[in-house]
């Protein structure tokens, strides 16, 4: 690996929903920047993660999953993902070893045929398949596109992730670091807090409440002279029945969500946190451009 000159560049991570894009980026960064849940389409907007190494800086763009389903809001997410490819120096396509070349993958394949940047393919979740089935899968993908590299990995277990990182660095263009070495993301604290709360809601009630959840952080204020930060956030849902599920009997579920997410917010902010959560119904937020802007899903 050539490290004689500084290298830096943007790496767009693309894949269909729930193939492990966010898990891989968090593994590469060594810290949670992009949230993860069992539900597809957990990532809703482009999340930047910055990995600084001696002589190189990888700037990852974790994008929403691409498939053909969904309405207006889903189409916005897919547009966000495809737009991320335009300014990327490298493309990292993530597929699943247990389910290679699904309908979503075929859609991505057609998109990538128009891309001129080097494309690296990571075949994820290899820990879930027999080794003898991997080679035919890799050969199948190799016949579809002129990939710069194809790497079998397990993002969850970390298998071959270091190898993948070294190959990404190899294909980076020369250039100075674009961000300070200690910076992990370009997202403000409010955005990350909202994502942490949304992740905890998904993990707590994802079977009952699907994509209807959004979070708006209304307040983040550190009290003067004290290592204590007040955080206030509103959880938006589309139906009264969903609101009732998140609040729970006697407020028990909302209290539990707060108790579970508070330590993560405290680690992020480096202070103790006094957290207040509300749940409100807004039936049209996924179709309302102004609401989507306030929630950070549309550019101002």
C-alpha atoms as a PDB file:
ATOM      1  CA  UNK A   1       0.000   0.000   0.000  1.00  0.00           C
ATOM      2  CA  UNK A   2       1.494   3.317  -1.093  1.00  0.00           C
ATOM      3  CA  UNK A   3       1.506   5.773   1.837  1.00  0.00           C
ATOM      4  CA  UNK A   4       4.397   7.988   0.667  1.00  0.00           C
ATOM      5  CA  UNK A   5       1.999  10.795  -0.245  1.00  0.00           C
ATOM      6  CA  UNK A   6      -1.114  11.954   1.556  1.00  0.00           C
ATOM      7  CA  UNK A   7      -4.342  10.563   0.199  1.00  0.00           C
ATOM      8  CA  UNK A   8      -7.922  11.602   0.842  1.00  0.00           C
ATOM      9  CA  UNK A   9     -11.297  11.158  -0.750  1.00  0.00           C
ATOM     10  CA  UNK A  10     -14.999  10.410  -0.468  1.00  0.00           C
ATOM     11  CA  UNK A  11     -16.252   6.824  -0.395  1.00  0.00           C
ATOM     12  CA  UNK A  12     -19.985   6.384  -1.086  1.00  0.00           C
ATOM     13  CA  UNK A  13     -21.357   3.272   0.621  1.00  0.00           C
ATOM     14  CA  UNK A  14     -24.288   1.966  -1.386  1.00  0.00           C
ATOM     15  CA  UNK A  15     -26.521  -1.078  -1.071  1.00  0.00           C
ATOM     16  CA  UNK A  16     -30.085  -2.225  -0.705  1.00  0.00           C
ATOM     17  CA  UNK A  17     -31.801  -1.889   2.691  1.00  0.00           C
ATOM     18  CA  UNK A  18     -30.449  -3.836   5.663  1.00  0.00           C
ATOM     19  CA  UNK A  19     -27.300  -5.276   4.053  1.00  0.00           C
ATOM     20  CA  UNK A  20     -25.051  -3.830   6.773  1.00  0.00           C
ATOM     21  CA  UNK A  21     -23.897  -0.467   5.396  1.00  0.00           C
ATOM     22  CA  UNK A  22     -24.186   1.388   8.706  1.00  0.00           C
ATOM     23  CA  UNK A  23     -22.717  -1.530  10.665  1.00  0.00           C
ATOM     24  CA  UNK A  24     -19.683  -1.544   8.377  1.00  0.00           C
ATOM     25  CA  UNK A  25     -19.136   2.204   8.596  1.00  0.00           C
ATOM     26  CA  UNK A  26     -19.375   2.136  12.388  1.00  0.00           C
ATOM     27  CA  UNK A  27     -16.905  -0.777  12.434  1.00  0.00           C
ATOM     28  CA  UNK A  28     -14.442   1.136  10.247  1.00  0.00           C
ATOM     29  CA  UNK A  29     -14.737   4.258  12.406  1.00  0.00           C
ATOM     30  CA  UNK A  30     -14.531   2.361  15.693  1.00  0.00           C
ATOM     31  CA  UNK A  31     -17.516   4.345  16.989  1.00  0.00           C
ATOM     32  CA  UNK A  32     -21.241   4.626  16.297  1.00  0.00           C
ATOM     33  CA  UNK A  33     -21.975   7.450  13.873  1.00  0.00           C
ATOM     34  CA  UNK A  34     -24.754   5.865  11.810  1.00  0.00           C
ATOM     35  CA  UNK A  35     -27.586   4.149  13.680  1.00  0.00           C
ATOM     36  CA  UNK A  36     -28.420   0.483  13.247  1.00  0.00           C
ATOM     37  CA  UNK A  37     -31.658  -1.439  13.802  1.00  0.00           C
ATOM     38  CA  UNK A  38     -33.275  -4.663  12.591  1.00  0.00           C
ATOM     39  CA  UNK A  39     -35.567  -2.641  10.299  1.00  0.00           C
ATOM     40  CA  UNK A  40     -34.713  -1.901   6.675  1.00  0.00           C
ATOM     41  CA  UNK A  41     -34.351   1.799   5.780  1.00  0.00           C
ATOM     42  CA  UNK A  42     -33.094   2.814   9.225  1.00  0.00           C
ATOM     43  CA  UNK A  43     -30.694   5.248   7.517  1.00  0.00           C
ATOM     44  CA  UNK A  44     -32.773   8.076   6.020  1.00  0.00           C
ATOM     45  CA  UNK A  45     -30.221  10.627   4.912  1.00  0.00           C
ATOM     46  CA  UNK A  46     -26.577  10.777   3.941  1.00  0.00           C
ATOM     47  CA  UNK A  47     -24.361  10.277   7.010  1.00  0.00           C
ATOM     48  CA  UNK A  48     -20.690  11.229   6.814  1.00  0.00           C
ATOM     49  CA  UNK A  49     -18.079   9.304   8.769  1.00  0.00           C
ATOM     50  CA  UNK A  50     -14.409  10.333   8.747  1.00  0.00           C
ATOM     51  CA  UNK A  51     -11.607   7.790   9.190  1.00  0.00           C
ATOM     52  CA  UNK A  52      -8.166   9.407   9.611  1.00  0.00           C
ATOM     53  CA  UNK A  53      -5.117   7.173   9.183  1.00  0.00           C
ATOM     54  CA  UNK A  54      -1.381   7.905   8.897  1.00  0.00           C
ATOM     55  CA  UNK A  55      -1.091   9.458   5.442  1.00  0.00           C
ATOM     56  CA  UNK A  56      -4.716   8.935   4.447  1.00  0.00           C
ATOM     57  CA  UNK A  57      -8.242  10.107   5.189  1.00  0.00           C
ATOM     58  CA  UNK A  58     -11.316   8.111   4.151  1.00  0.00           C
ATOM     59  CA  UNK A  59     -14.552  10.109   4.168  1.00  0.00           C
ATOM     60  CA  UNK A  60     -17.426   7.632   4.133  1.00  0.00           C
ATOM     61  CA  UNK A  61     -20.934   8.545   2.989  1.00  0.00           C
ATOM     62  CA  UNK A  62     -23.450   6.086   4.451  1.00  0.00           C
ATOM     63  CA  UNK A  63     -26.555   6.302   2.280  1.00  0.00           C
ATOM     64  CA  UNK A  64     -30.172   5.110   2.549  1.00  0.00           C
ATOM     65  CA  UNK A  65     -30.893   1.669   1.132  1.00  0.00           C
ATOM     66  CA  UNK A  66     -31.954   1.533  -2.508  1.00  0.00           C
ATOM     67  CA  UNK A  67     -34.957  -0.482  -3.683  1.00  0.00           C
ATOM     68  CA  UNK A  68     -38.147   0.051  -5.697  1.00  0.00           C
ATOM     69  CA  UNK A  69     -40.683   0.230  -2.872  1.00  0.00           C
ATOM     70  CA  UNK A  70     -42.197   3.194  -1.059  1.00  0.00           C
ATOM     71  CA  UNK A  71     -43.881   6.548  -1.569  1.00  0.00           C
ATOM     72  CA  UNK A  72     -42.724  10.162  -1.669  1.00  0.00           C
ATOM     73  CA  UNK A  73     -40.439  10.036   1.376  1.00  0.00           C
ATOM     74  CA  UNK A  74     -38.860   6.772   0.231  1.00  0.00           C
ATOM     75  CA  UNK A  75     -38.170   8.258  -3.214  1.00  0.00           C
ATOM     76  CA  UNK A  76     -36.416  11.179  -1.525  1.00  0.00           C
ATOM     77  CA  UNK A  77     -34.185   8.743   0.359  1.00  0.00           C
ATOM     78  CA  UNK A  78     -33.299   6.877  -2.839  1.00  0.00           C
ATOM     79  CA  UNK A  79     -32.507  10.187  -4.549  1.00  0.00           C
ATOM     80  CA  UNK A  80     -30.204  11.064  -1.639  1.00  0.00           C
ATOM     81  CA  UNK A  81     -28.377   7.766  -2.099  1.00  0.00           C
ATOM     82  CA  UNK A  82     -27.936   8.091  -5.861  1.00  0.00           C
ATOM     83  CA  UNK A  83     -26.873  11.752  -5.614  1.00  0.00           C
ATOM     84  CA  UNK A  84     -24.093  10.717  -3.226  1.00  0.00           C
ATOM     85  CA  UNK A  85     -22.451   8.787  -6.047  1.00  0.00           C
ATOM     86  CA  UNK A  86     -21.860  11.904  -8.138  1.00  0.00           C
ATOM     87  CA  UNK A  87     -19.126  13.456  -6.001  1.00  0.00           C
ATOM     88  CA  UNK A  88     -17.590  10.239  -4.700  1.00  0.00           C
ATOM     89  CA  UNK A  89     -14.001   9.256  -5.475  1.00  0.00           C
ATOM     90  CA  UNK A  90     -14.772   5.596  -4.755  1.00  0.00           C
ATOM     91  CA  UNK A  91     -17.933   3.507  -4.585  1.00  0.00           C
ATOM     92  CA  UNK A  92     -18.262   0.736  -2.005  1.00  0.00           C
ATOM     93  CA  UNK A  93     -21.172  -1.542  -2.910  1.00  0.00           C
ATOM     94  CA  UNK A  94     -22.358  -3.818  -0.090  1.00  0.00           C
ATOM     95  CA  UNK A  95     -24.228  -7.027  -0.911  1.00  0.00           C
ATOM     96  CA  UNK A  96     -25.282  -9.994   1.234  1.00  0.00           C
ATOM     97  CA  UNK A  97     -23.643 -13.389   0.846  1.00  0.00           C
ATOM     98  CA  UNK A  98     -26.857 -15.212   1.925  1.00  0.00           C
ATOM     99  CA  UNK A  99     -29.007 -13.333  -0.621  1.00  0.00           C
ATOM    100  CA  UNK A 100     -26.844 -12.134  -3.525  1.00  0.00           C
ATOM    101  CA  UNK A 101     -28.296 -10.199  -6.455  1.00  0.00           C
ATOM    102  CA  UNK A 102     -31.821  -9.561  -5.212  1.00  0.00           C
ATOM    103  CA  UNK A 103     -34.174  -7.198  -7.055  1.00  0.00           C
ATOM    104  CA  UNK A 104     -32.724  -4.256  -5.124  1.00  0.00           C
ATOM    105  CA  UNK A 105     -29.200  -5.299  -6.128  1.00  0.00           C
ATOM    106  CA  UNK A 106     -30.228  -5.456  -9.785  1.00  0.00           C
ATOM    107  CA  UNK A 107     -31.500  -1.873  -9.568  1.00  0.00           C
ATOM    108  CA  UNK A 108     -28.190  -0.764  -8.039  1.00  0.00           C
ATOM    109  CA  UNK A 109     -26.275  -2.661 -10.710  1.00  0.00           C
ATOM    110  CA  UNK A 110     -27.980  -0.612 -13.428  1.00  0.00           C
ATOM    111  CA  UNK A 111     -27.126   2.614 -11.571  1.00  0.00           C
ATOM    112  CA  UNK A 112     -23.478   1.594 -11.166  1.00  0.00           C
ATOM    113  CA  UNK A 113     -23.088   0.847 -14.872  1.00  0.00           C
ATOM    114  CA  UNK A 114     -23.114   4.627 -15.400  1.00  0.00           C
ATOM    115  CA  UNK A 115     -20.448   5.310 -12.743  1.00  0.00           C
ATOM    116  CA  UNK A 116     -16.851   6.085 -13.739  1.00  0.00           C
ATOM    117  CA  UNK A 117     -15.259   6.020 -10.248  1.00  0.00           C
ATOM    118  CA  UNK A 118     -13.591   2.787  -9.057  1.00  0.00           C
ATOM    119  CA  UNK A 119     -16.133   0.388  -7.527  1.00  0.00           C
ATOM    120  CA  UNK A 120     -15.202  -2.008  -4.736  1.00  0.00           C
ATOM    121  CA  UNK A 121     -17.627  -4.789  -3.843  1.00  0.00           C
ATOM    122  CA  UNK A 122     -17.928  -6.030  -0.262  1.00  0.00           C
ATOM    123  CA  UNK A 123     -19.794  -9.327   0.090  1.00  0.00           C
ATOM    124  CA  UNK A 124     -21.089  -9.019   3.654  1.00  0.00           C
ATOM    125  CA  UNK A 125     -22.415 -11.579   6.160  1.00  0.00           C
ATOM    126  CA  UNK A 126     -20.037 -14.319   5.003  1.00  0.00           C
ATOM    127  CA  UNK A 127     -20.276 -15.763   8.517  1.00  0.00           C
ATOM    128  CA  UNK A 128     -23.834 -16.842   7.649  1.00  0.00           C
ATOM    129  CA  UNK A 129     -22.968 -19.021   4.620  1.00  0.00           C
ATOM    130  CA  UNK A 130     -20.828 -22.056   3.848  1.00  0.00           C
ATOM    131  CA  UNK A 131     -17.376 -21.167   2.504  1.00  0.00           C
ATOM    132  CA  UNK A 132     -17.816 -23.297  -0.617  1.00  0.00           C
ATOM    133  CA  UNK A 133     -20.767 -21.129  -1.719  1.00  0.00           C
ATOM    134  CA  UNK A 134     -18.714 -17.912  -1.669  1.00  0.00           C
ATOM    135  CA  UNK A 135     -16.591 -18.469  -4.767  1.00  0.00           C
ATOM    136  CA  UNK A 136     -19.564 -18.943  -7.142  1.00  0.00           C
ATOM    137  CA  UNK A 137     -21.149 -15.785  -5.679  1.00  0.00           C
ATOM    138  CA  UNK A 138     -17.958 -13.775  -6.206  1.00  0.00           C
ATOM    139  CA  UNK A 139     -17.531 -15.147  -9.745  1.00  0.00           C
ATOM    140  CA  UNK A 140     -21.129 -14.207 -10.532  1.00  0.00           C
ATOM    141  CA  UNK A 141     -20.597 -10.597  -9.480  1.00  0.00           C
ATOM    142  CA  UNK A 142     -17.222 -10.422 -11.226  1.00  0.00           C
ATOM    143  CA  UNK A 143     -18.984 -11.147 -14.522  1.00  0.00           C
ATOM    144  CA  UNK A 144     -21.371  -8.201 -14.055  1.00  0.00           C
ATOM    145  CA  UNK A 145     -19.058  -5.211 -13.555  1.00  0.00           C
ATOM    146  CA  UNK A 146     -15.315  -4.475 -13.744  1.00  0.00           C
ATOM    147  CA  UNK A 147     -14.891  -4.176  -9.964  1.00  0.00           C
ATOM    148  CA  UNK A 148     -11.598  -2.785  -8.713  1.00  0.00           C
ATOM    149  CA  UNK A 149     -11.726  -5.313  -5.850  1.00  0.00           C
ATOM    150  CA  UNK A 150     -14.137  -7.881  -4.412  1.00  0.00           C
ATOM    151  CA  UNK A 151     -13.769  -8.582  -0.681  1.00  0.00           C
ATOM    152  CA  UNK A 152     -15.797 -11.070   1.415  1.00  0.00           C
ATOM    153  CA  UNK A 153     -16.406  -9.590   4.880  1.00  0.00           C
ATOM    154  CA  UNK A 154     -18.399  -9.821   8.072  1.00  0.00           C
ATOM    155  CA  UNK A 155     -19.135  -6.291   9.272  1.00  0.00           C
ATOM    156  CA  UNK A 156     -20.586  -7.632  12.527  1.00  0.00           C
ATOM    157  CA  UNK A 157     -17.577  -9.790  13.419  1.00  0.00           C
ATOM    158  CA  UNK A 158     -14.944  -7.618  11.735  1.00  0.00           C
ATOM    159  CA  UNK A 159     -13.674 -10.343   9.382  1.00  0.00           C
ATOM    160  CA  UNK A 160     -11.590  -8.864   6.521  1.00  0.00           C
ATOM    161  CA  UNK A 161     -12.630  -5.300   7.415  1.00  0.00           C
ATOM    162  CA  UNK A 162      -8.982  -4.242   7.880  1.00  0.00           C
ATOM    163  CA  UNK A 163      -8.181  -5.687   4.444  1.00  0.00           C
ATOM    164  CA  UNK A 164     -11.088  -3.783   2.918  1.00  0.00           C
ATOM    165  CA  UNK A 165      -9.879  -0.564   4.542  1.00  0.00           C
ATOM    166  CA  UNK A 166      -6.357  -1.009   3.160  1.00  0.00           C
ATOM    167  CA  UNK A 167      -7.739  -1.570  -0.339  1.00  0.00           C
ATOM    168  CA  UNK A 168      -9.911   1.540  -0.113  1.00  0.00           C
ATOM    169  CA  UNK A 169      -6.839   3.570   0.835  1.00  0.00           C
ATOM    170  CA  UNK A 170      -4.972   2.088  -2.119  1.00  0.00           C
ATOM    171  CA  UNK A 171      -7.564   3.496  -4.538  1.00  0.00           C
ATOM    172  CA  UNK A 172      -7.850   6.946  -2.927  1.00  0.00           C
ATOM    173  CA  UNK A 173      -6.616   9.915  -4.953  1.00  0.00           C
ATOM    174  CA  UNK A 174      -3.671  11.892  -3.641  1.00  0.00           C
ATOM    175  CA  UNK A 175      -4.592  14.940  -1.600  1.00  0.00           C
ATOM    176  CA  UNK A 176      -4.329  16.506   1.853  1.00  0.00           C
ATOM    177  CA  UNK A 177      -6.751  15.661   4.691  1.00  0.00           C
ATOM    178  CA  UNK A 178     -10.043  17.509   4.302  1.00  0.00           C
ATOM    179  CA  UNK A 179     -11.040  17.352   7.990  1.00  0.00           C
ATOM    180  CA  UNK A 180      -9.197  17.545  11.346  1.00  0.00           C
ATOM    181  CA  UNK A 181      -7.824  14.136  12.401  1.00  0.00           C
ATOM    182  CA  UNK A 182     -10.040  13.942  15.510  1.00  0.00           C
ATOM    183  CA  UNK A 183     -13.316  14.694  13.663  1.00  0.00           C
ATOM    184  CA  UNK A 184     -15.585  11.664  13.136  1.00  0.00           C
ATOM    185  CA  UNK A 185     -18.561  13.220  11.338  1.00  0.00           C
ATOM    186  CA  UNK A 186     -19.886  16.473   9.911  1.00  0.00           C
ATOM    187  CA  UNK A 187     -23.276  16.017  11.576  1.00  0.00           C
ATOM    188  CA  UNK A 188     -24.170  18.360  14.477  1.00  0.00           C
ATOM    189  CA  UNK A 189     -24.900  16.968  17.942  1.00  0.00           C
ATOM    190  CA  UNK A 190     -28.644  17.606  17.549  1.00  0.00           C
ATOM    191  CA  UNK A 191     -28.810  15.368  14.491  1.00  0.00           C
ATOM    192  CA  UNK A 192     -26.906  12.545  16.189  1.00  0.00           C
ATOM    193  CA  UNK A 193     -29.073  12.825  19.321  1.00  0.00           C
ATOM    194  CA  UNK A 194     -32.221  12.610  17.170  1.00  0.00           C
ATOM    195  CA  UNK A 195     -30.837   9.528  15.429  1.00  0.00           C
ATOM    196  CA  UNK A 196     -29.933   7.856  18.734  1.00  0.00           C
ATOM    197  CA  UNK A 197     -33.474   8.398  20.026  1.00  0.00           C
ATOM    198  CA  UNK A 198     -34.977   7.114  16.776  1.00  0.00           C
ATOM    199  CA  UNK A 199     -32.780   4.017  16.934  1.00  0.00           C
ATOM    200  CA  UNK A 200     -33.898   3.314  20.491  1.00  0.00           C
ATOM    201  CA  UNK A 201     -37.561   3.695  19.477  1.00  0.00           C
ATOM    202  CA  UNK A 202     -37.016   1.269  16.597  1.00  0.00           C
ATOM    203  CA  UNK A 203     -35.335  -1.267  18.845  1.00  0.00           C
ATOM    204  CA  UNK A 204     -38.025  -0.958  21.511  1.00  0.00           C
ATOM    205  CA  UNK A 205     -41.212  -1.014  19.409  1.00  0.00           C
ATOM    206  CA  UNK A 206     -40.155  -1.684  15.806  1.00  0.00           C
ATOM    207  CA  UNK A 207     -42.632  -4.554  15.343  1.00  0.00           C
ATOM    208  CA  UNK A 208     -45.574  -2.268  16.160  1.00  0.00           C
ATOM    209  CA  UNK A 209     -44.392   1.095  14.795  1.00  0.00           C
ATOM    210  CA  UNK A 210     -42.884   0.950  11.283  1.00  0.00           C
ATOM    211  CA  UNK A 211     -41.440   3.907   9.353  1.00  0.00           C
ATOM    212  CA  UNK A 212     -43.828   6.348  10.995  1.00  0.00           C
ATOM    213  CA  UNK A 213     -41.277   7.649  13.526  1.00  0.00           C
ATOM    214  CA  UNK A 214     -39.253  10.858  13.246  1.00  0.00           C
ATOM    215  CA  UNK A 215     -37.453  12.795  15.979  1.00  0.00           C
ATOM    216  CA  UNK A 216     -36.897  16.534  16.309  1.00  0.00           C
ATOM    217  CA  UNK A 217     -34.492  17.741  19.004  1.00  0.00           C
ATOM    218  CA  UNK A 218     -35.925  21.004  20.312  1.00  0.00           C
ATOM    219  CA  UNK A 219     -33.260  21.923  22.870  1.00  0.00           C
ATOM    220  CA  UNK A 220     -29.654  21.095  23.800  1.00  0.00           C
ATOM    221  CA  UNK A 221     -28.341  23.417  26.500  1.00  0.00           C
ATOM    222  CA  UNK A 222     -25.528  22.884  28.997  1.00  0.00           C
ATOM    223  CA  UNK A 223     -26.236  24.497  32.348  1.00  0.00           C
ATOM    224  CA  UNK A 224     -23.785  27.208  33.298  1.00  0.00           C
ATOM    225  CA  UNK A 225     -21.111  26.030  35.704  1.00  0.00           C
ATOM    226  CA  UNK A 226     -22.382  22.435  35.703  1.00  0.00           C
ATOM    227  CA  UNK A 227     -21.564  19.290  33.720  1.00  0.00           C
ATOM    228  CA  UNK A 228     -25.269  18.823  33.000  1.00  0.00           C
ATOM    229  CA  UNK A 229     -27.036  19.264  29.671  1.00  0.00           C
ATOM    230  CA  UNK A 230     -30.781  19.661  29.176  1.00  0.00           C
ATOM    231  CA  UNK A 231     -32.015  17.803  26.091  1.00  0.00           C
ATOM    232  CA  UNK A 232     -35.623  18.060  24.915  1.00  0.00           C
ATOM    233  CA  UNK A 233     -36.931  16.122  21.917  1.00  0.00           C
ATOM    234  CA  UNK A 234     -40.237  15.340  20.240  1.00  0.00           C
ATOM    235  CA  UNK A 235     -40.982  11.936  18.727  1.00  0.00           C
ATOM    236  CA  UNK A 236     -43.407  12.317  15.809  1.00  0.00           C
ATOM    237  CA  UNK A 237     -45.713   9.514  14.673  1.00  0.00           C
ATOM    238  CA  UNK A 238     -48.562   9.322  12.174  1.00  0.00           C
ATOM    239  CA  UNK A 239     -51.380   7.783  14.245  1.00  0.00           C
ATOM    240  CA  UNK A 240     -52.803   8.013  17.757  1.00  0.00           C
ATOM    241  CA  UNK A 241     -52.397   4.243  18.088  1.00  0.00           C
ATOM    242  CA  UNK A 242     -48.648   4.575  17.430  1.00  0.00           C
ATOM    243  CA  UNK A 243     -48.405   7.336  20.008  1.00  0.00           C
ATOM    244  CA  UNK A 244     -50.055   5.079  22.572  1.00  0.00           C
ATOM    245  CA  UNK A 245     -47.582   2.268  21.834  1.00  0.00           C
ATOM    246  CA  UNK A 246     -44.520   4.491  22.269  1.00  0.00           C
ATOM    247  CA  UNK A 247     -45.838   6.057  25.478  1.00  0.00           C
ATOM    248  CA  UNK A 248     -46.906   2.691  26.876  1.00  0.00           C
ATOM    249  CA  UNK A 249     -49.117   1.968  29.858  1.00  0.00           C
ATOM    250  CA  UNK A 250     -48.648   4.717  32.411  1.00  0.00           C
ATOM    251  CA  UNK A 251     -45.773   6.127  30.323  1.00  0.00           C
ATOM    252  CA  UNK A 252     -43.648   3.016  30.959  1.00  0.00           C
ATOM    253  CA  UNK A 253     -42.358   2.529  27.397  1.00  0.00           C
ATOM    254  CA  UNK A 254     -41.407   6.189  26.893  1.00  0.00           C
ATOM    255  CA  UNK A 255     -39.633   6.150  30.258  1.00  0.00           C
ATOM    256  CA  UNK A 256     -37.713   3.028  29.250  1.00  0.00           C
ATOM    257  CA  UNK A 257     -36.713   4.541  25.904  1.00  0.00           C
ATOM    258  CA  UNK A 258     -35.364   7.577  27.756  1.00  0.00           C
ATOM    259  CA  UNK A 259     -33.459   5.456  30.267  1.00  0.00           C
ATOM    260  CA  UNK A 260     -31.814   3.413  27.514  1.00  0.00           C
ATOM    261  CA  UNK A 261     -30.837   6.298  25.235  1.00  0.00           C
ATOM    262  CA  UNK A 262     -29.652   8.699  27.943  1.00  0.00           C
ATOM    263  CA  UNK A 263     -26.250   6.994  28.492  1.00  0.00           C
ATOM    264  CA  UNK A 264     -25.535   7.141  24.744  1.00  0.00           C
ATOM    265  CA  UNK A 265     -26.310  10.863  24.643  1.00  0.00           C
ATOM    266  CA  UNK A 266     -24.118  11.387  27.709  1.00  0.00           C
ATOM    267  CA  UNK A 267     -21.208   9.633  25.968  1.00  0.00           C
ATOM    268  CA  UNK A 268     -21.726  11.848  22.931  1.00  0.00           C
ATOM    269  CA  UNK A 269     -21.879  15.126  24.869  1.00  0.00           C
ATOM    270  CA  UNK A 270     -19.434  14.263  27.656  1.00  0.00           C
ATOM    271  CA  UNK A 271     -21.820  15.498  30.370  1.00  0.00           C
ATOM    272  CA  UNK A 272     -24.708  14.180  32.397  1.00  0.00           C
ATOM    273  CA  UNK A 273     -28.017  14.631  30.583  1.00  0.00           C
ATOM    274  CA  UNK A 274     -31.470  15.629  31.808  1.00  0.00           C
ATOM    275  CA  UNK A 275     -33.688  14.244  29.033  1.00  0.00           C
ATOM    276  CA  UNK A 276     -37.295  15.164  28.288  1.00  0.00           C
ATOM    277  CA  UNK A 277     -39.218  13.311  25.581  1.00  0.00           C
ATOM    278  CA  UNK A 278     -42.634  14.041  24.108  1.00  0.00           C
ATOM    279  CA  UNK A 279     -44.691  12.095  21.554  1.00  0.00           C
ATOM    280  CA  UNK A 280     -46.880  13.959  19.057  1.00  0.00           C
ATOM    281  CA  UNK A 281     -49.040  12.912  16.118  1.00  0.00           C
ATOM    282  CA  UNK A 282     -48.441  14.476  12.711  1.00  0.00           C
ATOM    283  CA  UNK A 283     -50.082  12.329  10.083  1.00  0.00           C
ATOM    284  CA  UNK A 284     -48.561  13.987   7.023  1.00  0.00           C
ATOM    285  CA  UNK A 285     -44.913  14.508   7.996  1.00  0.00           C
ATOM    286  CA  UNK A 286     -43.571  12.084   5.358  1.00  0.00           C
ATOM    287  CA  UNK A 287     -45.347  14.056   2.593  1.00  0.00           C
ATOM    288  CA  UNK A 288     -44.765  17.608   3.883  1.00  0.00           C
ATOM    289  CA  UNK A 289     -41.606  19.276   2.529  1.00  0.00           C
ATOM    290  CA  UNK A 290     -41.505  21.827   5.356  1.00  0.00           C
ATOM    291  CA  UNK A 291     -41.758  19.087   7.981  1.00  0.00           C
ATOM    292  CA  UNK A 292     -39.040  17.102   6.199  1.00  0.00           C
ATOM    293  CA  UNK A 293     -36.777  20.182   6.225  1.00  0.00           C
ATOM    294  CA  UNK A 294     -37.295  20.709   9.961  1.00  0.00           C
ATOM    295  CA  UNK A 295     -36.476  17.064  10.570  1.00  0.00           C
ATOM    296  CA  UNK A 296     -33.291  17.303   8.487  1.00  0.00           C
ATOM    297  CA  UNK A 297     -34.387  15.064   5.606  1.00  0.00           C
ATOM    298  CA  UNK A 298     -34.557  17.850   3.000  1.00  0.00           C
ATOM    299  CA  UNK A 299     -31.975  20.548   2.372  1.00  0.00           C
ATOM    300  CA  UNK A 300     -33.020  24.102   3.189  1.00  0.00           C
END
